Amino acid sequence: MLRALLLGVLSAFFFSSTFVLNRAMSLEGGHWAWTAALRYAYMLLMLLAWLGITRQGAVLRGVWNALRTRPLFWTLAGGVGFGVFYAPLCYSATRMPGWVVAATWQATILATPLVLLLFGRKVPTRGLAFTGLIFLGIVLVNLEQAGGFGDAAGLILGVLPVLLAALAYPLGNQLAWEARSDAARGGPEAANPALESGPGLVLLLCLGSLPFWLALLLVVRPEAPVDGQWVQTALVAFLAGVVATSLFLHARNRARSSYELAAVDATQSMEVVFSLVGEILFLHAAPPGLLGFSGIALVTLGLVLYVARQTAGRKAGG
């Protein structure tokens, strides 16, 4: 349990690069659709190269077999877990600072119980009360950003896409987790090494998301990427897309119950702190005011109490 939580926090550190670099690209005039799509194009190349260099041919064959066996399922899982998750986050980066996006993104912790219910899984009620602190923190951060309720329209346009992403991400991850669990029980993808490999699973979801990205670019028709966007999306692809996602999925795969899954998901609240420090250091962003700091404190406190309650309940249960 402790190792899974530490992996989750480490993945949050690398994930925070997404919010900082996406904001940087937005300030430089890069279109959000390219910020989103280029990340997954780079991820695809990086993962193929890594698996090839490390001679993990069995994993590559497993990815191909999984796509061939259930193409619609993996297109859905990748489209939701990567596409519907990431495109709205990139759009919101054009409307508010990265650390505000990161704080709002923590609504994914509130969405996790809903996703578990959707799949008929037992919802861990221990610690759910502490998610209220996380939600209140999100509200305070966004109220400061919007100057109270004076800019309600701007607040809605910035927040709603993040809330959509916050639901899509655990949904896509849970689809992948269900497929892995089904394979472990002798399902159609039993003994598929791709489902037991962090990079292999990320590659599988990445390939499944390709139809989403093609459709997005055809509909939005953005202007060509700006020069810095090519390099910065490559950094996001490596730090957040490859390293962080692999760590996070590996942490989730170590979970053996709904309780542990929820606790691992909760570690992503640390992205707020990492993103804020990153924006101040690299983008010279102004630090938040009292309302913003109070919101960050509540989000962090909610995380600590949530995980502590989950762990205490796990020990009490033997």
Protein backbone atom coordinates (compact mmCIF):
# COMPACT_ATOMS: atom_id res chain seq x y z
CA MET A 1 0.00 0.00 0.00
CA LEU A 2 2.73 2.49 0.99
CA ARG A 3 4.74 1.77 -2.16
CA ALA A 4 1.67 2.36 -4.33
CA LEU A 5 1.05 5.71 -2.61
CA LEU A 6 4.67 6.82 -3.06
CA LEU A 7 4.49 5.93 -6.75
CA GLY A 8 1.29 7.95 -6.98
CA VAL A 9 2.95 11.04 -5.44
CA LEU A 10 5.96 10.66 -7.76
CA SER A 11 3.63 10.46 -10.75
CA ALA A 12 1.91 13.67 -9.52
CA PHE A 13 5.27 15.45 -9.60
CA PHE A 14 5.78 14.54 -13.26
CA PHE A 15 2.13 15.16 -14.10
CA SER A 16 2.46 18.74 -12.85
CA SER A 17 4.68 19.53 -15.85
CA THR A 18 1.51 19.30 -17.94
CA PHE A 19 -0.13 22.28 -16.24
CA VAL A 20 2.99 24.44 -16.22
CA LEU A 21 4.02 23.77 -19.83
CA ASN A 22 0.47 23.94 -21.20
CA ARG A 23 0.10 27.38 -19.64
CA ALA A 24 3.45 28.42 -21.10
CA MET A 25 2.38 27.35 -24.60
CA SER A 26 -0.91 29.20 -24.21
CA LEU A 27 0.88 32.42 -23.26
CA GLU A 28 3.11 32.02 -26.33
CA GLY A 29 0.10 31.74 -28.65
CA GLY A 30 0.08 27.99 -29.29
CA HIS A 31 -3.33 26.54 -30.14
CA TRP A 32 -4.74 24.23 -27.46
CA ALA A 33 -5.74 21.53 -30.00
CA TRP A 34 -2.11 21.11 -31.11
CA THR A 35 -0.94 21.18 -27.50
CA ALA A 36 -3.20 18.21 -26.88
CA ALA A 37 -2.74 16.20 -30.09
CA LEU A 38 1.02 16.61 -30.42
CA ARG A 39 1.55 15.21 -26.93
CA TYR A 40 0.04 11.88 -27.95
CA ALA A 41 1.85 11.82 -31.28
CA TYR A 42 5.15 12.15 -29.40
CA MET A 43 4.04 9.61 -26.81
CA LEU A 44 3.32 7.08 -29.52
CA LEU A 45 6.80 7.48 -31.03
CA MET A 46 8.53 7.42 -27.64
CA LEU A 47 6.75 4.31 -26.44
CA LEU A 48 7.37 2.42 -29.67
CA ALA A 49 11.05 3.39 -29.54
CA TRP A 50 11.41 2.42 -25.87
CA LEU A 51 9.75 -0.95 -26.25
CA GLY A 52 11.83 -1.61 -29.36
CA ILE A 53 15.15 -0.58 -27.79
CA THR A 54 14.48 -2.66 -24.67
CA ARG A 55 13.49 -5.59 -26.87
CA GLN A 56 10.04 -6.00 -25.40
CA GLY A 57 8.66 -7.66 -28.49
CA ALA A 58 6.21 -9.69 -26.43
CA VAL A 59 4.62 -6.48 -25.12
CA LEU A 60 4.38 -5.03 -28.64
CA ARG A 61 2.75 -8.21 -29.89
CA GLY A 62 0.42 -8.06 -26.90
CA VAL A 63 -0.63 -4.52 -27.82
CA TRP A 64 -1.37 -5.62 -31.39
CA ASN A 65 -3.31 -8.67 -30.21
CA ALA A 66 -5.37 -6.57 -27.78
CA LEU A 67 -6.29 -4.06 -30.50
CA ARG A 68 -7.13 -6.87 -32.91
CA THR A 69 -9.22 -8.73 -30.33
CA ARG A 70 -11.24 -5.76 -29.03
CA PRO A 71 -10.70 -2.68 -31.24
CA LEU A 72 -13.90 -0.89 -30.18
CA PHE A 73 -13.18 -1.36 -26.49
CA TRP A 74 -9.66 0.05 -26.67
CA THR A 75 -10.77 2.90 -28.93
CA LEU A 76 -13.36 3.78 -26.28
CA ALA A 77 -10.89 3.43 -23.39
CA GLY A 78 -8.19 5.48 -25.15
CA GLY A 79 -10.60 8.05 -26.54
CA VAL A 80 -12.14 8.69 -23.12
CA GLY A 81 -9.09 8.18 -20.90
CA PHE A 82 -6.67 10.17 -23.04
CA GLY A 83 -8.74 12.22 -25.51
CA VAL A 84 -11.76 13.46 -23.55
CA PHE A 85 -9.43 13.83 -20.57
CA TYR A 86 -6.64 15.89 -22.14
CA ALA A 87 -8.25 18.11 -24.77
CA PRO A 88 -10.43 19.97 -22.22
CA LEU A 89 -7.41 20.48 -19.93
CA CYS A 90 -5.48 22.12 -22.76
CA TYR A 91 -8.45 24.35 -23.56
CA SER A 92 -8.76 25.47 -19.93
CA ALA A 93 -5.06 26.40 -19.89
CA THR A 94 -5.95 29.20 -22.31
CA ARG A 95 -8.36 30.69 -19.78
CA MET A 96 -6.66 30.37 -16.38
CA PRO A 97 -3.25 29.69 -14.75
CA GLY A 98 -1.94 26.15 -14.68
CA TRP A 99 -2.06 25.81 -10.90
CA VAL A 100 -5.75 26.80 -10.95
CA VAL A 101 -6.38 24.14 -13.59
CA ALA A 102 -4.45 21.67 -11.42
CA ALA A 103 -6.53 22.56 -8.35
CA THR A 104 -9.80 22.22 -10.24
CA TRP A 105 -8.55 18.96 -11.72
CA GLN A 106 -8.62 17.44 -8.24
CA ALA A 107 -12.35 17.00 -8.77
CA THR A 108 -11.24 13.69 -10.28
CA ILE A 109 -11.04 12.42 -6.69
CA LEU A 110 -14.73 13.20 -6.30
CA ALA A 111 -15.45 11.46 -9.61
CA THR A 112 -13.71 8.21 -8.63
CA PRO A 113 -16.57 6.91 -6.42
CA LEU A 114 -19.04 7.64 -9.24
CA VAL A 115 -16.91 5.66 -11.69
CA LEU A 116 -16.62 2.76 -9.25
CA LEU A 117 -20.41 2.75 -8.84
CA LEU A 118 -20.82 2.75 -12.61
CA PHE A 119 -18.78 -0.46 -12.83
CA GLY A 120 -20.61 -2.07 -9.94
CA ARG A 121 -17.59 -1.87 -7.68
CA LYS A 122 -17.81 -1.31 -3.96
CA VAL A 123 -17.40 2.37 -3.15
CA PRO A 124 -15.06 3.06 -0.22
CA THR A 125 -17.09 5.21 2.16
CA ARG A 126 -14.14 5.62 4.55
CA GLY A 127 -12.65 9.01 3.93
CA LEU A 128 -15.39 10.25 1.59
CA ALA A 129 -16.23 13.02 4.06
CA PHE A 130 -12.75 14.45 3.52
CA THR A 131 -13.40 14.88 -0.19
CA GLY A 132 -15.65 17.73 0.90
CA LEU A 133 -12.54 19.61 2.03
CA ILE A 134 -10.98 19.01 -1.39
CA PHE A 135 -14.11 20.31 -3.11
CA LEU A 136 -14.23 23.42 -0.91
CA GLY A 137 -10.58 24.07 -1.69
CA ILE A 138 -11.32 23.86 -5.42
CA VAL A 139 -14.16 26.37 -5.00
CA LEU A 140 -11.95 28.85 -3.10
CA VAL A 141 -9.15 28.66 -5.68
CA ASN A 142 -11.55 29.35 -8.54
CA LEU A 143 -13.37 32.14 -6.74
CA GLU A 144 -10.06 33.96 -6.27
CA GLN A 145 -9.17 33.43 -9.92
CA ALA A 146 -12.54 34.82 -11.07
CA GLY A 147 -12.46 37.73 -8.62
CA GLY A 148 -15.46 36.39 -6.73
CA PHE A 149 -18.57 35.92 -8.83
CA GLY A 150 -17.87 38.99 -10.97
CA ASP A 151 -16.73 36.93 -13.96
CA ALA A 152 -19.16 34.03 -13.77
CA ALA A 153 -19.07 33.38 -17.54
CA GLY A 154 -15.27 33.19 -17.60
CA LEU A 155 -15.29 30.97 -14.54
CA ILE A 156 -17.74 28.53 -16.15
CA LEU A 157 -15.80 28.38 -19.44
CA GLY A 158 -12.61 27.64 -17.55
CA VAL A 159 -14.00 25.20 -14.99
CA LEU A 160 -16.48 23.04 -16.94
CA PRO A 161 -13.88 21.55 -19.35
CA VAL A 162 -11.70 20.57 -16.37
CA LEU A 163 -14.66 18.91 -14.65
CA LEU A 164 -15.31 16.92 -17.82
CA ALA A 165 -11.64 15.87 -17.89
CA ALA A 166 -11.82 14.96 -14.19
CA LEU A 167 -14.57 12.46 -14.94
CA ALA A 168 -13.08 11.11 -18.16
CA TYR A 169 -9.67 10.25 -16.71
CA PRO A 170 -10.75 7.82 -13.97
CA LEU A 171 -13.34 6.41 -16.36
CA GLY A 172 -10.70 5.58 -18.97
CA ASN A 173 -8.34 4.22 -16.31
CA GLN A 174 -11.09 2.07 -14.83
CA LEU A 175 -11.87 0.61 -18.25
CA ALA A 176 -8.20 -0.41 -18.52
CA TRP A 177 -8.21 -1.76 -14.96
CA GLU A 178 -11.34 -3.82 -15.65
CA ALA A 179 -9.74 -5.26 -18.79
CA ARG A 180 -6.66 -6.25 -16.77
CA SER A 181 -8.78 -7.81 -14.03
CA ASP A 182 -10.86 -9.68 -16.59
CA ALA A 183 -7.68 -11.02 -18.22
CA ALA A 184 -6.42 -12.18 -14.83
CA ARG A 185 -9.63 -14.21 -14.46
CA GLY A 186 -9.06 -15.91 -17.81
CA GLY A 187 -10.93 -13.45 -20.03
CA PRO A 188 -10.36 -12.86 -23.77
CA GLU A 189 -7.00 -11.15 -23.13
CA ALA A 190 -5.66 -13.62 -20.57
CA ALA A 191 -1.86 -13.80 -20.31
CA ASN A 192 -1.45 -10.70 -22.49
CA PRO A 193 1.87 -9.12 -21.37
CA ALA A 194 0.76 -5.67 -22.57
CA LEU A 195 -1.80 -5.49 -19.77
CA GLU A 196 0.87 -6.18 -17.14
CA SER A 197 3.32 -3.60 -18.52
CA GLY A 198 3.00 0.09 -17.65
CA PRO A 199 4.45 1.32 -20.98
CA GLY A 200 2.55 -1.38 -22.86
CA LEU A 201 -0.77 -0.33 -21.36
CA VAL A 202 -0.06 3.35 -22.06
CA LEU A 203 0.81 2.49 -25.68
CA LEU A 204 -2.42 0.53 -26.00
CA LEU A 205 -4.49 3.46 -24.74
CA CYS A 206 -2.49 5.89 -26.88
CA LEU A 207 -3.21 3.92 -30.05
CA GLY A 208 -6.84 3.66 -29.04
CA SER A 209 -7.05 7.46 -28.74
CA LEU A 210 -5.81 8.16 -32.30
CA PRO A 211 -9.33 8.34 -33.85
CA PHE A 212 -10.26 10.98 -31.28
CA TRP A 213 -7.27 13.18 -32.12
CA LEU A 214 -7.83 12.91 -35.86
CA ALA A 215 -11.49 13.87 -35.41
CA LEU A 216 -10.58 16.80 -33.14
CA LEU A 217 -8.09 18.29 -35.62
CA LEU A 218 -10.53 17.87 -38.51
CA VAL A 219 -13.30 19.64 -36.59
CA VAL A 220 -11.26 22.45 -34.97
CA ARG A 221 -8.83 23.02 -37.88
CA PRO A 222 -6.22 24.93 -35.82
CA GLU A 223 -3.49 27.07 -37.36
CA ALA A 224 0.01 25.58 -37.50
CA PRO A 225 1.81 25.03 -34.19
CA VAL A 226 4.14 27.82 -32.99
CA ASP A 227 7.85 27.03 -32.84
CA GLY A 228 8.10 26.48 -29.09
CA GLN A 229 5.10 24.19 -29.13
CA TRP A 230 7.02 21.40 -30.83
CA VAL A 231 9.63 21.20 -28.08
CA GLN A 232 7.33 21.81 -25.13
CA THR A 233 4.75 19.21 -26.19
CA ALA A 234 7.63 16.74 -26.52
CA LEU A 235 8.61 17.49 -22.91
CA VAL A 236 5.02 17.04 -21.75
CA ALA A 237 4.80 13.80 -23.69
CA PHE A 238 7.88 12.41 -21.99
CA LEU A 239 7.47 13.73 -18.44
CA ALA A 240 3.70 13.44 -18.08
CA GLY A 241 2.65 11.13 -20.87
CA VAL A 242 5.31 8.43 -20.57
CA VAL A 243 6.92 8.71 -17.13
CA ALA A 244 4.01 9.95 -15.02
CA THR A 245 1.29 7.89 -16.69
CA SER A 246 3.36 4.71 -16.51
CA LEU A 247 4.07 5.33 -12.82
CA PHE A 248 0.44 6.08 -12.08
CA LEU A 249 -0.93 3.06 -13.91
CA HIS A 250 1.71 0.90 -12.24
CA ALA A 251 0.61 2.25 -8.86
CA ARG A 252 -3.03 1.53 -9.71
CA ASN A 253 -2.16 -1.97 -10.89
CA ARG A 254 -0.63 -2.66 -7.48
CA ALA A 255 -4.00 -1.91 -5.88
CA ARG A 256 -5.91 -4.99 -4.82
CA SER A 257 -9.17 -3.39 -3.73
CA SER A 258 -11.44 -0.42 -4.37
CA TYR A 259 -10.08 1.17 -1.19
CA GLU A 260 -6.52 1.12 -2.46
CA LEU A 261 -7.58 2.36 -5.89
CA ALA A 262 -9.25 5.40 -4.34
CA ALA A 263 -6.20 6.11 -2.15
CA VAL A 264 -3.83 6.00 -5.15
CA ASP A 265 -6.12 8.32 -7.12
CA ALA A 266 -6.10 10.73 -4.15
CA THR A 267 -2.32 11.22 -4.38
CA GLN A 268 -2.88 13.31 -7.51
CA SER A 269 -3.86 16.27 -5.30
CA MET A 270 -0.12 16.93 -4.94
CA GLU A 271 -0.16 18.21 -8.52
CA VAL A 272 -1.55 21.49 -7.18
CA VAL A 273 1.49 22.19 -5.03
CA PHE A 274 3.98 21.06 -7.67
CA SER A 275 2.23 23.14 -10.38
CA LEU A 276 2.13 26.29 -8.26
CA VAL A 277 5.85 26.06 -7.45
CA GLY A 278 6.63 25.38 -11.11
CA GLU A 279 4.68 28.40 -12.38
CA ILE A 280 6.28 30.72 -9.83
CA LEU A 281 9.79 29.47 -10.64
CA PHE A 282 9.59 29.16 -14.43
CA LEU A 283 6.76 31.48 -15.55
CA HIS A 284 7.25 34.13 -12.85
CA ALA A 285 3.58 33.84 -11.94
CA ALA A 286 2.27 35.83 -9.01
CA PRO A 287 1.62 33.70 -5.94
CA PRO A 288 -2.01 33.21 -4.97
CA GLY A 289 -3.69 35.41 -2.39
CA LEU A 290 -5.20 34.38 0.92
CA LEU A 291 -8.22 32.76 -0.74
CA GLY A 292 -6.04 30.78 -3.13
CA PHE A 293 -3.64 29.60 -0.45
CA SER A 294 -6.58 28.62 1.73
CA GLY A 295 -7.96 26.56 -1.15
CA ILE A 296 -4.61 24.83 -1.72
CA ALA A 297 -4.34 24.10 2.01
CA LEU A 298 -7.82 22.55 2.06
CA VAL A 299 -7.09 20.41 -1.01
CA THR A 300 -3.84 19.15 0.54
CA LEU A 301 -5.42 18.61 3.95
CA GLY A 302 -8.28 16.70 2.35
CA LEU A 303 -5.76 14.45 0.59
CA VAL A 304 -3.79 13.72 3.77
CA LEU A 305 -6.90 12.97 5.84
CA TYR A 306 -8.44 10.91 3.05
CA VAL A 307 -5.40 8.68 2.68
CA ALA A 308 -4.87 8.46 6.46
CA ARG A 309 -8.47 7.34 6.95
CA GLN A 310 -8.22 4.82 4.13
CA THR A 311 -5.02 3.37 5.58
CA ALA A 312 -6.38 3.25 9.15
CA GLY A 313 -9.53 1.49 7.96
CA ARG A 314 -7.45 -0.98 5.97
CA LYS A 315 -5.38 -1.86 9.06
CA ALA A 316 -8.47 -2.14 11.24
CA GLY A 317 -9.97 -4.54 8.73
CA GLY A 318 -6.95 -6.82 9.09
